[in-house]
Amino acid sequence: MDTSQDRLLTVEYLAGKLNVSPRYLSDMLRSQTGQNAQQHIHDKLIEKAKEYLTTTNLSVSEIAYQLGFEYSQSFNKLFKKKTSQTPMEFKQTFN
């Protein structure tokens, strides 16, 4: 995942890079994995967030920004939805 960009990865962006339509990309991923493209993006974001939370001293807001979130609240909400923990709760389990 390219975390150097200033925005979140989108299905449209990835589909464009692959020269396919966003719908085709999502449909193909769903047929192969059971998850659509957006679900894959969210899973990768959470994977990267966990890496940052366990291996750096970055704040949750800094991590949210690194991952392309404009608002850290959006990152917190997605993280909690996917892991049933806030980013801080997750980080504290490693300290």
PDB file of N, CA and C in Angstrom:
ATOM      1  N   MET A   1       0.834  -1.169   0.000  1.00  0.00           N
ATOM      2  CA  MET A   1       0.000   0.000   0.000  1.00  0.00           C
ATOM      3  C   MET A   1       0.877   1.229   0.000  1.00  0.00           C
ATOM      4  N   ASP A   2       0.557   2.180  -0.796  1.00  0.00           N
ATOM      5  CA  ASP A   2       1.337   3.406  -0.901  1.00  0.00           C
ATOM      6  C   ASP A   2       0.836   4.393   0.130  1.00  0.00           C
ATOM      7  N   THR A   3       1.556   4.506   1.249  1.00  0.00           N
ATOM      8  CA  THR A   3       1.132   5.419   2.295  1.00  0.00           C
ATOM      9  C   THR A   3       1.725   6.808   2.103  1.00  0.00           C
ATOM     10  N   SER A   4       2.428   7.030   1.027  1.00  0.00           N
ATOM     11  CA  SER A   4       3.011   8.348   0.802  1.00  0.00           C
ATOM     12  C   SER A   4       2.012   9.312   0.190  1.00  0.00           C
ATOM     13  N   GLN A   5       0.866   8.815  -0.224  1.00  0.00           N
ATOM     14  CA  GLN A   5      -0.115   9.708  -0.816  1.00  0.00           C
ATOM     15  C   GLN A   5      -0.885  10.429   0.274  1.00  0.00           C
ATOM     16  N   ASP A   6      -1.531  11.529  -0.074  1.00  0.00           N
ATOM     17  CA  ASP A   6      -2.227  12.338   0.902  1.00  0.00           C
ATOM     18  C   ASP A   6      -3.703  12.003   1.002  1.00  0.00           C
ATOM     19  N   ARG A   7      -4.106  10.888   0.438  1.00  0.00           N
ATOM     20  CA  ARG A   7      -5.510  10.514   0.493  1.00  0.00           C
ATOM     21  C   ARG A   7      -5.622   9.010   0.635  1.00  0.00           C
ATOM     22  N   LEU A   8      -6.805   8.590   1.047  1.00  0.00           N
ATOM     23  CA  LEU A   8      -7.053   7.159   1.167  1.00  0.00           C
ATOM     24  C   LEU A   8      -7.096   6.517  -0.205  1.00  0.00           C
ATOM     25  N   LEU A   9      -6.632   5.313  -0.265  1.00  0.00           N
ATOM     26  CA  LEU A   9      -6.789   4.548  -1.501  1.00  0.00           C
ATOM     27  C   LEU A   9      -8.274   4.306  -1.722  1.00  0.00           C
ATOM     28  N   THR A  10      -8.682   4.368  -2.966  1.00  0.00           N
ATOM     29  CA  THR A  10     -10.080   4.117  -3.294  1.00  0.00           C
ATOM     30  C   THR A  10     -10.159   2.989  -4.315  1.00  0.00           C
ATOM     31  N   VAL A  11     -11.346   2.417  -4.397  1.00  0.00           N
ATOM     32  CA  VAL A  11     -11.581   1.382  -5.394  1.00  0.00           C
ATOM     33  C   VAL A  11     -11.362   1.973  -6.782  1.00  0.00           C
ATOM     34  N   GLU A  12     -11.817   3.206  -6.988  1.00  0.00           N
ATOM     35  CA  GLU A  12     -11.667   3.860  -8.289  1.00  0.00           C
ATOM     36  C   GLU A  12     -10.196   4.025  -8.665  1.00  0.00           C
ATOM     37  N   TYR A  13      -9.383   4.425  -7.715  1.00  0.00           N
ATOM     38  CA  TYR A  13      -7.950   4.609  -7.963  1.00  0.00           C
ATOM     39  C   TYR A  13      -7.294   3.286  -8.357  1.00  0.00           C
ATOM     40  N   LEU A  14      -7.561   2.245  -7.566  1.00  0.00           N
ATOM     41  CA  LEU A  14      -6.955   0.943  -7.857  1.00  0.00           C
ATOM     42  C   LEU A  14      -7.439   0.375  -9.181  1.00  0.00           C
ATOM     43  N   ALA A  15      -8.733   0.503  -9.444  1.00  0.00           N
ATOM     44  CA  ALA A  15      -9.279   0.005 -10.712  1.00  0.00           C
ATOM     45  C   ALA A  15      -8.631   0.734 -11.884  1.00  0.00           C
ATOM     46  N   GLY A  16      -8.447   2.033 -11.751  1.00  0.00           N
ATOM     47  CA  GLY A  16      -7.794   2.811 -12.799  1.00  0.00           C
ATOM     48  C   GLY A  16      -6.377   2.343 -13.055  1.00  0.00           C
ATOM     49  N   LYS A  17      -5.657   2.037 -11.994  1.00  0.00           N
ATOM     50  CA  LYS A  17      -4.285   1.539 -12.135  1.00  0.00           C
ATOM     51  C   LYS A  17      -4.248   0.186 -12.842  1.00  0.00           C
ATOM     52  N   LEU A  18      -5.318  -0.580 -12.694  1.00  0.00           N
ATOM     53  CA  LEU A  18      -5.392  -1.902 -13.313  1.00  0.00           C
ATOM     54  C   LEU A  18      -6.114  -1.885 -14.660  1.00  0.00           C
ATOM     55  N   ASN A  19      -6.556  -0.695 -15.040  1.00  0.00           N
ATOM     56  CA  ASN A  19      -7.290  -0.524 -16.298  1.00  0.00           C
ATOM     57  C   ASN A  19      -8.556  -1.372 -16.369  1.00  0.00           C
ATOM     58  N   VAL A  20      -9.275  -1.430 -15.262  1.00  0.00           N
ATOM     59  CA  VAL A  20     -10.574  -2.094 -15.212  1.00  0.00           C
ATOM     60  C   VAL A  20     -11.552  -1.154 -14.522  1.00  0.00           C
ATOM     61  N   SER A  21     -12.838  -1.446 -14.628  1.00  0.00           N
ATOM     62  CA  SER A  21     -13.828  -0.608 -13.952  1.00  0.00           C
ATOM     63  C   SER A  21     -13.864  -0.966 -12.466  1.00  0.00           C
ATOM     64  N   PRO A  22     -14.255  -0.016 -11.624  1.00  0.00           N
ATOM     65  CA  PRO A  22     -14.375  -0.307 -10.192  1.00  0.00           C
ATOM     66  C   PRO A  22     -15.335  -1.472  -9.919  1.00  0.00           C
ATOM     67  N   ARG A  23     -16.433  -1.522 -10.643  1.00  0.00           N
ATOM     68  CA  ARG A  23     -17.400  -2.603 -10.451  1.00  0.00           C
ATOM     69  C   ARG A  23     -16.781  -3.957 -10.817  1.00  0.00           C
ATOM     70  N   TYR A  24     -16.048  -3.997 -11.928  1.00  0.00           N
ATOM     71  CA  TYR A  24     -15.397  -5.238 -12.341  1.00  0.00           C
ATOM     72  C   TYR A  24     -14.395  -5.691 -11.279  1.00  0.00           C
ATOM     73  N   LEU A  25     -13.593  -4.765 -10.783  1.00  0.00           N
ATOM     74  CA  LEU A  25     -12.603  -5.098  -9.759  1.00  0.00           C
ATOM     75  C   LEU A  25     -13.281  -5.684  -8.526  1.00  0.00           C
ATOM     76  N   SER A  26     -14.316  -5.016  -8.052  1.00  0.00           N
ATOM     77  CA  SER A  26     -15.021  -5.510  -6.864  1.00  0.00           C
ATOM     78  C   SER A  26     -15.675  -6.859  -7.112  1.00  0.00           C
ATOM     79  N   ASP A  27     -16.303  -6.996  -8.273  1.00  0.00           N
ATOM     80  CA  ASP A  27     -16.956  -8.269  -8.596  1.00  0.00           C
ATOM     81  C   ASP A  27     -15.947  -9.415  -8.684  1.00  0.00           C
ATOM     82  N   MET A  28     -14.812  -9.167  -9.303  1.00  0.00           N
ATOM     83  CA  MET A  28     -13.789 -10.208  -9.424  1.00  0.00           C
ATOM     84  C   MET A  28     -13.215 -10.590  -8.055  1.00  0.00           C
ATOM     85  N   LEU A  29     -12.938  -9.591  -7.248  1.00  0.00           N
ATOM     86  CA  LEU A  29     -12.426  -9.894  -5.914  1.00  0.00           C
ATOM     87  C   LEU A  29     -13.458 -10.654  -5.091  1.00  0.00           C
ATOM     88  N   ARG A  30     -14.712 -10.248  -5.185  1.00  0.00           N
ATOM     89  CA  ARG A  30     -15.768 -10.922  -4.430  1.00  0.00           C
ATOM     90  C   ARG A  30     -15.890 -12.379  -4.881  1.00  0.00           C
ATOM     91  N   SER A  31     -15.815 -12.621  -6.189  1.00  0.00           N
ATOM     92  CA  SER A  31     -15.954 -13.994  -6.674  1.00  0.00           C
ATOM     93  C   SER A  31     -14.768 -14.863  -6.262  1.00  0.00           C
ATOM     94  N   GLN A  32     -13.584 -14.263  -6.119  1.00  0.00           N
ATOM     95  CA  GLN A  32     -12.376 -15.020  -5.769  1.00  0.00           C
ATOM     96  C   GLN A  32     -12.156 -15.145  -4.262  1.00  0.00           C
ATOM     97  N   THR A  33     -12.572 -14.109  -3.521  1.00  0.00           N
ATOM     98  CA  THR A  33     -12.228 -14.074  -2.092  1.00  0.00           C
ATOM     99  C   THR A  33     -13.424 -13.953  -1.163  1.00  0.00           C
ATOM    100  N   GLY A  34     -14.576 -13.587  -1.711  1.00  0.00           N
ATOM    101  CA  GLY A  34     -15.747 -13.366  -0.863  1.00  0.00           C
ATOM    102  C   GLY A  34     -15.830 -11.959  -0.315  1.00  0.00           C
ATOM    103  N   GLN A  35     -14.837 -11.131  -0.623  1.00  0.00           N
ATOM    104  CA  GLN A  35     -14.828  -9.738  -0.170  1.00  0.00           C
ATOM    105  C   GLN A  35     -14.710  -8.825  -1.380  1.00  0.00           C
ATOM    106  N   ASN A  36     -15.375  -7.669  -1.307  1.00  0.00           N
ATOM    107  CA  ASN A  36     -15.256  -6.707  -2.397  1.00  0.00           C
ATOM    108  C   ASN A  36     -13.981  -5.877  -2.229  1.00  0.00           C
ATOM    109  N   ALA A  37     -13.710  -5.024  -3.185  1.00  0.00           N
ATOM    110  CA  ALA A  37     -12.467  -4.230  -3.179  1.00  0.00           C
ATOM    111  C   ALA A  37     -12.377  -3.324  -1.957  1.00  0.00           C
ATOM    112  N   GLN A  38     -13.480  -2.696  -1.571  1.00  0.00           N
ATOM    113  CA  GLN A  38     -13.454  -1.795  -0.416  1.00  0.00           C
ATOM    114  C   GLN A  38     -13.108  -2.558   0.855  1.00  0.00           C
ATOM    115  N   GLN A  39     -13.624  -3.755   1.002  1.00  0.00           N
ATOM    116  CA  GLN A  39     -13.296  -4.563   2.175  1.00  0.00           C
ATOM    117  C   GLN A  39     -11.810  -4.914   2.198  1.00  0.00           C
ATOM    118  N   HIS A  40     -11.240  -5.202   1.047  1.00  0.00           N
ATOM    119  CA  HIS A  40      -9.802  -5.480   0.966  1.00  0.00           C
ATOM    120  C   HIS A  40      -8.989  -4.244   1.350  1.00  0.00           C
ATOM    121  N   ILE A  41      -9.399  -3.088   0.863  1.00  0.00           N
ATOM    122  CA  ILE A  41      -8.703  -1.842   1.211  1.00  0.00           C
ATOM    123  C   ILE A  41      -8.749  -1.625   2.718  1.00  0.00           C
ATOM    124  N   HIS A  42      -9.919  -1.789   3.320  1.00  0.00           N
ATOM    125  CA  HIS A  42     -10.048  -1.600   4.765  1.00  0.00           C
ATOM    126  C   HIS A  42      -9.175  -2.591   5.525  1.00  0.00           C
ATOM    127  N   ASP A  43      -9.152  -3.847   5.092  1.00  0.00           N
ATOM    128  CA  ASP A  43      -8.314  -4.839   5.756  1.00  0.00           C
ATOM    129  C   ASP A  43      -6.832  -4.456   5.696  1.00  0.00           C
ATOM    130  N   LYS A  44      -6.390  -3.971   4.556  1.00  0.00           N
ATOM    131  CA  LYS A  44      -4.981  -3.557   4.419  1.00  0.00           C
ATOM    132  C   LYS A  44      -4.680  -2.338   5.281  1.00  0.00           C
ATOM    133  N   LEU A  45      -5.633  -1.403   5.354  1.00  0.00           N
ATOM    134  CA  LEU A  45      -5.452  -0.230   6.212  1.00  0.00           C
ATOM    135  C   LEU A  45      -5.295  -0.652   7.673  1.00  0.00           C
ATOM    136  N   ILE A  46      -6.130  -1.561   8.122  1.00  0.00           N
ATOM    137  CA  ILE A  46      -6.060  -2.017   9.508  1.00  0.00           C
ATOM    138  C   ILE A  46      -4.763  -2.777   9.757  1.00  0.00           C
ATOM    139  N   GLU A  47      -4.352  -3.583   8.805  1.00  0.00           N
ATOM    140  CA  GLU A  47      -3.077  -4.307   8.916  1.00  0.00           C
ATOM    141  C   GLU A  47      -1.914  -3.320   9.074  1.00  0.00           C
ATOM    142  N   LYS A  48      -1.895  -2.296   8.237  1.00  0.00           N
ATOM    143  CA  LYS A  48      -0.830  -1.286   8.301  1.00  0.00           C
ATOM    144  C   LYS A  48      -0.921  -0.493   9.603  1.00  0.00           C
ATOM    145  N   ALA A  49      -2.143  -0.169  10.023  1.00  0.00           N
ATOM    146  CA  ALA A  49      -2.333   0.569  11.277  1.00  0.00           C
ATOM    147  C   ALA A  49      -1.793  -0.231  12.456  1.00  0.00           C
ATOM    148  N   LYS A  50      -2.065  -1.509  12.486  1.00  0.00           N
ATOM    149  CA  LYS A  50      -1.564  -2.360  13.566  1.00  0.00           C
ATOM    150  C   LYS A  50      -0.044  -2.373  13.579  1.00  0.00           C
ATOM    151  N   GLU A  51       0.535  -2.407  12.393  1.00  0.00           N
ATOM    152  CA  GLU A  51       2.001  -2.361  12.294  1.00  0.00           C
ATOM    153  C   GLU A  51       2.534  -1.058  12.892  1.00  0.00           C
ATOM    154  N   TYR A  52       1.938   0.069  12.494  1.00  0.00           N
ATOM    155  CA  TYR A  52       2.364   1.363  13.037  1.00  0.00           C
ATOM    156  C   TYR A  52       2.162   1.425  14.548  1.00  0.00           C
ATOM    157  N   LEU A  53       1.030   0.933  15.019  1.00  0.00           N
ATOM    158  CA  LEU A  53       0.712   1.007  16.444  1.00  0.00           C
ATOM    159  C   LEU A  53       1.671   0.177  17.281  1.00  0.00           C
ATOM    160  N   THR A  54       2.194  -0.897  16.730  1.00  0.00           N
ATOM    161  CA  THR A  54       3.065  -1.780  17.508  1.00  0.00           C
ATOM    162  C   THR A  54       4.554  -1.527  17.293  1.00  0.00           C
ATOM    163  N   THR A  55       4.915  -0.790  16.249  1.00  0.00           N
ATOM    164  CA  THR A  55       6.347  -0.640  15.962  1.00  0.00           C
ATOM    165  C   THR A  55       6.841   0.806  15.949  1.00  0.00           C
ATOM    166  N   THR A  56       5.941   1.758  16.159  1.00  0.00           N
ATOM    167  CA  THR A  56       6.366   3.162  16.153  1.00  0.00           C
ATOM    168  C   THR A  56       5.839   3.875  17.389  1.00  0.00           C
ATOM    169  N   ASN A  57       6.311   5.072  17.584  1.00  0.00           N
ATOM    170  CA  ASN A  57       5.814   5.926  18.658  1.00  0.00           C
ATOM    171  C   ASN A  57       4.883   7.003  18.121  1.00  0.00           C
ATOM    172  N   LEU A  58       4.395   6.815  16.900  1.00  0.00           N
ATOM    173  CA  LEU A  58       3.466   7.780  16.324  1.00  0.00           C
ATOM    174  C   LEU A  58       2.166   7.809  17.114  1.00  0.00           C
ATOM    175  N   SER A  59       1.564   8.991  17.197  1.00  0.00           N
ATOM    176  CA  SER A  59       0.262   9.098  17.844  1.00  0.00           C
ATOM    177  C   SER A  59      -0.800   8.511  16.918  1.00  0.00           C
ATOM    178  N   VAL A  60      -1.976   8.265  17.447  1.00  0.00           N
ATOM    179  CA  VAL A  60      -3.073   7.746  16.641  1.00  0.00           C
ATOM    180  C   VAL A  60      -3.405   8.734  15.531  1.00  0.00           C
ATOM    181  N   SER A  61      -3.390  10.022  15.832  1.00  0.00           N
ATOM    182  CA  SER A  61      -3.659  11.041  14.808  1.00  0.00           C
ATOM    183  C   SER A  61      -2.605  11.015  13.708  1.00  0.00           C
ATOM    184  N   GLU A  62      -1.345  10.855  14.082  1.00  0.00           N
ATOM    185  CA  GLU A  62      -0.274  10.782  13.085  1.00  0.00           C
ATOM    186  C   GLU A  62      -0.426   9.538  12.207  1.00  0.00           C
ATOM    187  N   ILE A  63      -0.806   8.435  12.805  1.00  0.00           N
ATOM    188  CA  ILE A  63      -1.018   7.209  12.041  1.00  0.00           C
ATOM    189  C   ILE A  63      -2.182   7.385  11.082  1.00  0.00           C
ATOM    190  N   ALA A  64      -3.264   7.977  11.569  1.00  0.00           N
ATOM    191  CA  ALA A  64      -4.428   8.236  10.708  1.00  0.00           C
ATOM    192  C   ALA A  64      -4.006   9.063   9.501  1.00  0.00           C
ATOM    193  N   TYR A  65      -3.212  10.090   9.731  1.00  0.00           N
ATOM    194  CA  TYR A  65      -2.738  10.942   8.640  1.00  0.00           C
ATOM    195  C   TYR A  65      -1.839  10.148   7.690  1.00  0.00           C
ATOM    196  N   GLN A  66      -0.946   9.342   8.231  1.00  0.00           N
ATOM    197  CA  GLN A  66      -0.048   8.530   7.405  1.00  0.00           C
ATOM    198  C   GLN A  66      -0.834   7.592   6.487  1.00  0.00           C
ATOM    199  N   LEU A  67      -1.970   7.120   6.972  1.00  0.00           N
ATOM    200  CA  LEU A  67      -2.786   6.196   6.200  1.00  0.00           C
ATOM    201  C   LEU A  67      -3.740   6.903   5.239  1.00  0.00           C
ATOM    202  N   GLY A  68      -3.747   8.234   5.286  1.00  0.00           N
ATOM    203  CA  GLY A  68      -4.553   8.988   4.338  1.00  0.00           C
ATOM    204  C   GLY A  68      -5.881   9.494   4.860  1.00  0.00           C
ATOM    205  N   PHE A  69      -6.145   9.303   6.129  1.00  0.00           N
ATOM    206  CA  PHE A  69      -7.397   9.791   6.703  1.00  0.00           C
ATOM    207  C   PHE A  69      -7.304  11.296   6.922  1.00  0.00           C
ATOM    208  N   GLU A  70      -8.342  12.001   6.528  1.00  0.00           N
ATOM    209  CA  GLU A  70      -8.392  13.439   6.757  1.00  0.00           C
ATOM    210  C   GLU A  70      -8.688  13.740   8.225  1.00  0.00           C
ATOM    211  N   TYR A  71      -9.502  12.890   8.838  1.00  0.00           N
ATOM    212  CA  TYR A  71      -9.889  13.071  10.238  1.00  0.00           C
ATOM    213  C   TYR A  71      -9.580  11.800  11.015  1.00  0.00           C
ATOM    214  N   SER A  72      -8.913  11.952  12.150  1.00  0.00           N
ATOM    215  CA  SER A  72      -8.548  10.775  12.937  1.00  0.00           C
ATOM    216  C   SER A  72      -9.784  10.058  13.477  1.00  0.00           C
ATOM    217  N   GLN A  73     -10.899  10.780  13.649  1.00  0.00           N
ATOM    218  CA  GLN A  73     -12.127  10.139  14.120  1.00  0.00           C
ATOM    219  C   GLN A  73     -12.597   9.066  13.132  1.00  0.00           C
ATOM    220  N   SER A  74     -12.434   9.315  11.841  1.00  0.00           N
ATOM    221  CA  SER A  74     -12.823   8.326  10.827  1.00  0.00           C
ATOM    222  C   SER A  74     -11.952   7.077  10.940  1.00  0.00           C
ATOM    223  N   PHE A  75     -10.672   7.286  11.166  1.00  0.00           N
ATOM    224  CA  PHE A  75      -9.756   6.165  11.369  1.00  0.00           C
ATOM    225  C   PHE A  75     -10.147   5.379  12.613  1.00  0.00           C
ATOM    226  N   ASN A  76     -10.392   6.092  13.714  1.00  0.00           N
ATOM    227  CA  ASN A  76     -10.776   5.428  14.962  1.00  0.00           C
ATOM    228  C   ASN A  76     -12.034   4.589  14.778  1.00  0.00           C
ATOM    229  N   LYS A  77     -13.003   5.128  14.080  1.00  0.00           N
ATOM    230  CA  LYS A  77     -14.276   4.432  13.860  1.00  0.00           C
ATOM    231  C   LYS A  77     -14.062   3.149  13.039  1.00  0.00           C
ATOM    232  N   LEU A  78     -13.290   3.244  11.952  1.00  0.00           N
ATOM    233  CA  LEU A  78     -13.009   2.066  11.128  1.00  0.00           C
ATOM    234  C   LEU A  78     -12.225   1.025  11.925  1.00  0.00           C
ATOM    235  N   PHE A  79     -11.218   1.467  12.663  1.00  0.00           N
ATOM    236  CA  PHE A  79     -10.392   0.536  13.441  1.00  0.00           C
ATOM    237  C   PHE A  79     -11.250  -0.207  14.460  1.00  0.00           C
ATOM    238  N   LYS A  80     -12.096   0.520  15.170  1.00  0.00           N
ATOM    239  CA  LYS A  80     -12.960  -0.100  16.182  1.00  0.00           C
ATOM    240  C   LYS A  80     -13.942  -1.070  15.526  1.00  0.00           C
ATOM    241  N   LYS A  81     -14.484  -0.688  14.378  1.00  0.00           N
ATOM    242  CA  LYS A  81     -15.424  -1.563  13.669  1.00  0.00           C
ATOM    243  C   LYS A  81     -14.756  -2.875  13.273  1.00  0.00           C
ATOM    244  N   LYS A  82     -13.519  -2.801  12.814  1.00  0.00           N
ATOM    245  CA  LYS A  82     -12.809  -3.992  12.327  1.00  0.00           C
ATOM    246  C   LYS A  82     -12.185  -4.833  13.434  1.00  0.00           C
ATOM    247  N   THR A  83     -11.818  -4.213  14.560  1.00  0.00           N
ATOM    248  CA  THR A  83     -11.074  -4.943  15.589  1.00  0.00           C
ATOM    249  C   THR A  83     -11.788  -5.038  16.935  1.00  0.00           C
ATOM    250  N   SER A  84     -12.872  -4.314  17.100  1.00  0.00           N
ATOM    251  CA  SER A  84     -13.605  -4.237  18.379  1.00  0.00           C
ATOM    252  C   SER A  84     -12.782  -3.554  19.473  1.00  0.00           C
ATOM    253  N   GLN A  85     -11.754  -2.835  19.077  1.00  0.00           N
ATOM    254  CA  GLN A  85     -10.926  -2.063  20.013  1.00  0.00           C
ATOM    255  C   GLN A  85     -10.628  -0.717  19.383  1.00  0.00           C
ATOM    256  N   THR A  86     -10.393   0.283  20.223  1.00  0.00           N
ATOM    257  CA  THR A  86      -9.896   1.543  19.695  1.00  0.00           C
ATOM    258  C   THR A  86      -8.415   1.365  19.382  1.00  0.00           C
ATOM    259  N   PRO A  87      -7.851   2.233  18.559  1.00  0.00           N
ATOM    260  CA  PRO A  87      -6.405   2.133  18.307  1.00  0.00           C
ATOM    261  C   PRO A  87      -5.582   2.215  19.595  1.00  0.00           C
ATOM    262  N   MET A  88      -5.996   3.079  20.520  1.00  0.00           N
ATOM    263  CA  MET A  88      -5.238   3.197  21.795  1.00  0.00           C
ATOM    264  C   MET A  88      -5.339   1.921  22.607  1.00  0.00           C
ATOM    265  N   GLU A  89      -6.514   1.315  22.656  1.00  0.00           N
ATOM    266  CA  GLU A  89      -6.654   0.053  23.384  1.00  0.00           C
ATOM    267  C   GLU A  89      -5.752  -1.012  22.770  1.00  0.00           C
ATOM    268  N   PHE A  90      -5.717  -1.064  21.460  1.00  0.00           N
ATOM    269  CA  PHE A  90      -4.852  -2.026  20.776  1.00  0.00           C
ATOM    270  C   PHE A  90      -3.387  -1.759  21.103  1.00  0.00           C
ATOM    271  N   LYS A  91      -2.985  -0.498  21.035  1.00  0.00           N
ATOM    272  CA  LYS A  91      -1.589  -0.125  21.297  1.00  0.00           C
ATOM    273  C   LYS A  91      -1.191  -0.470  22.727  1.00  0.00           C
ATOM    274  N   GLN A  92      -2.094  -0.245  23.679  1.00  0.00           N
ATOM    275  CA  GLN A  92      -1.776  -0.498  25.085  1.00  0.00           C
ATOM    276  C   GLN A  92      -1.555  -1.985  25.377  1.00  0.00           C
ATOM    277  N   THR A  93      -2.105  -2.860  24.559  1.00  0.00           N
ATOM    278  CA  THR A  93      -1.879  -4.287  24.781  1.00  0.00           C
ATOM    279  C   THR A  93      -0.439  -4.683  24.445  1.00  0.00           C
ATOM    280  N   PHE A  94       0.294  -3.792  23.759  1.00  0.00           N
ATOM    281  CA  PHE A  94       1.679  -4.078  23.389  1.00  0.00           C
ATOM    282  C   PHE A  94       2.686  -3.304  24.228  1.00  0.00           C
ATOM    283  N   ASN A  95       2.213  -2.489  25.139  1.00  0.00           N
ATOM    284  CA  ASN A  95       3.130  -1.697  25.985  1.00  0.00           C
ATOM    285  C   ASN A  95       3.253  -2.285  27.356  1.00  0.00           C
TER     286      ASN A  95
END
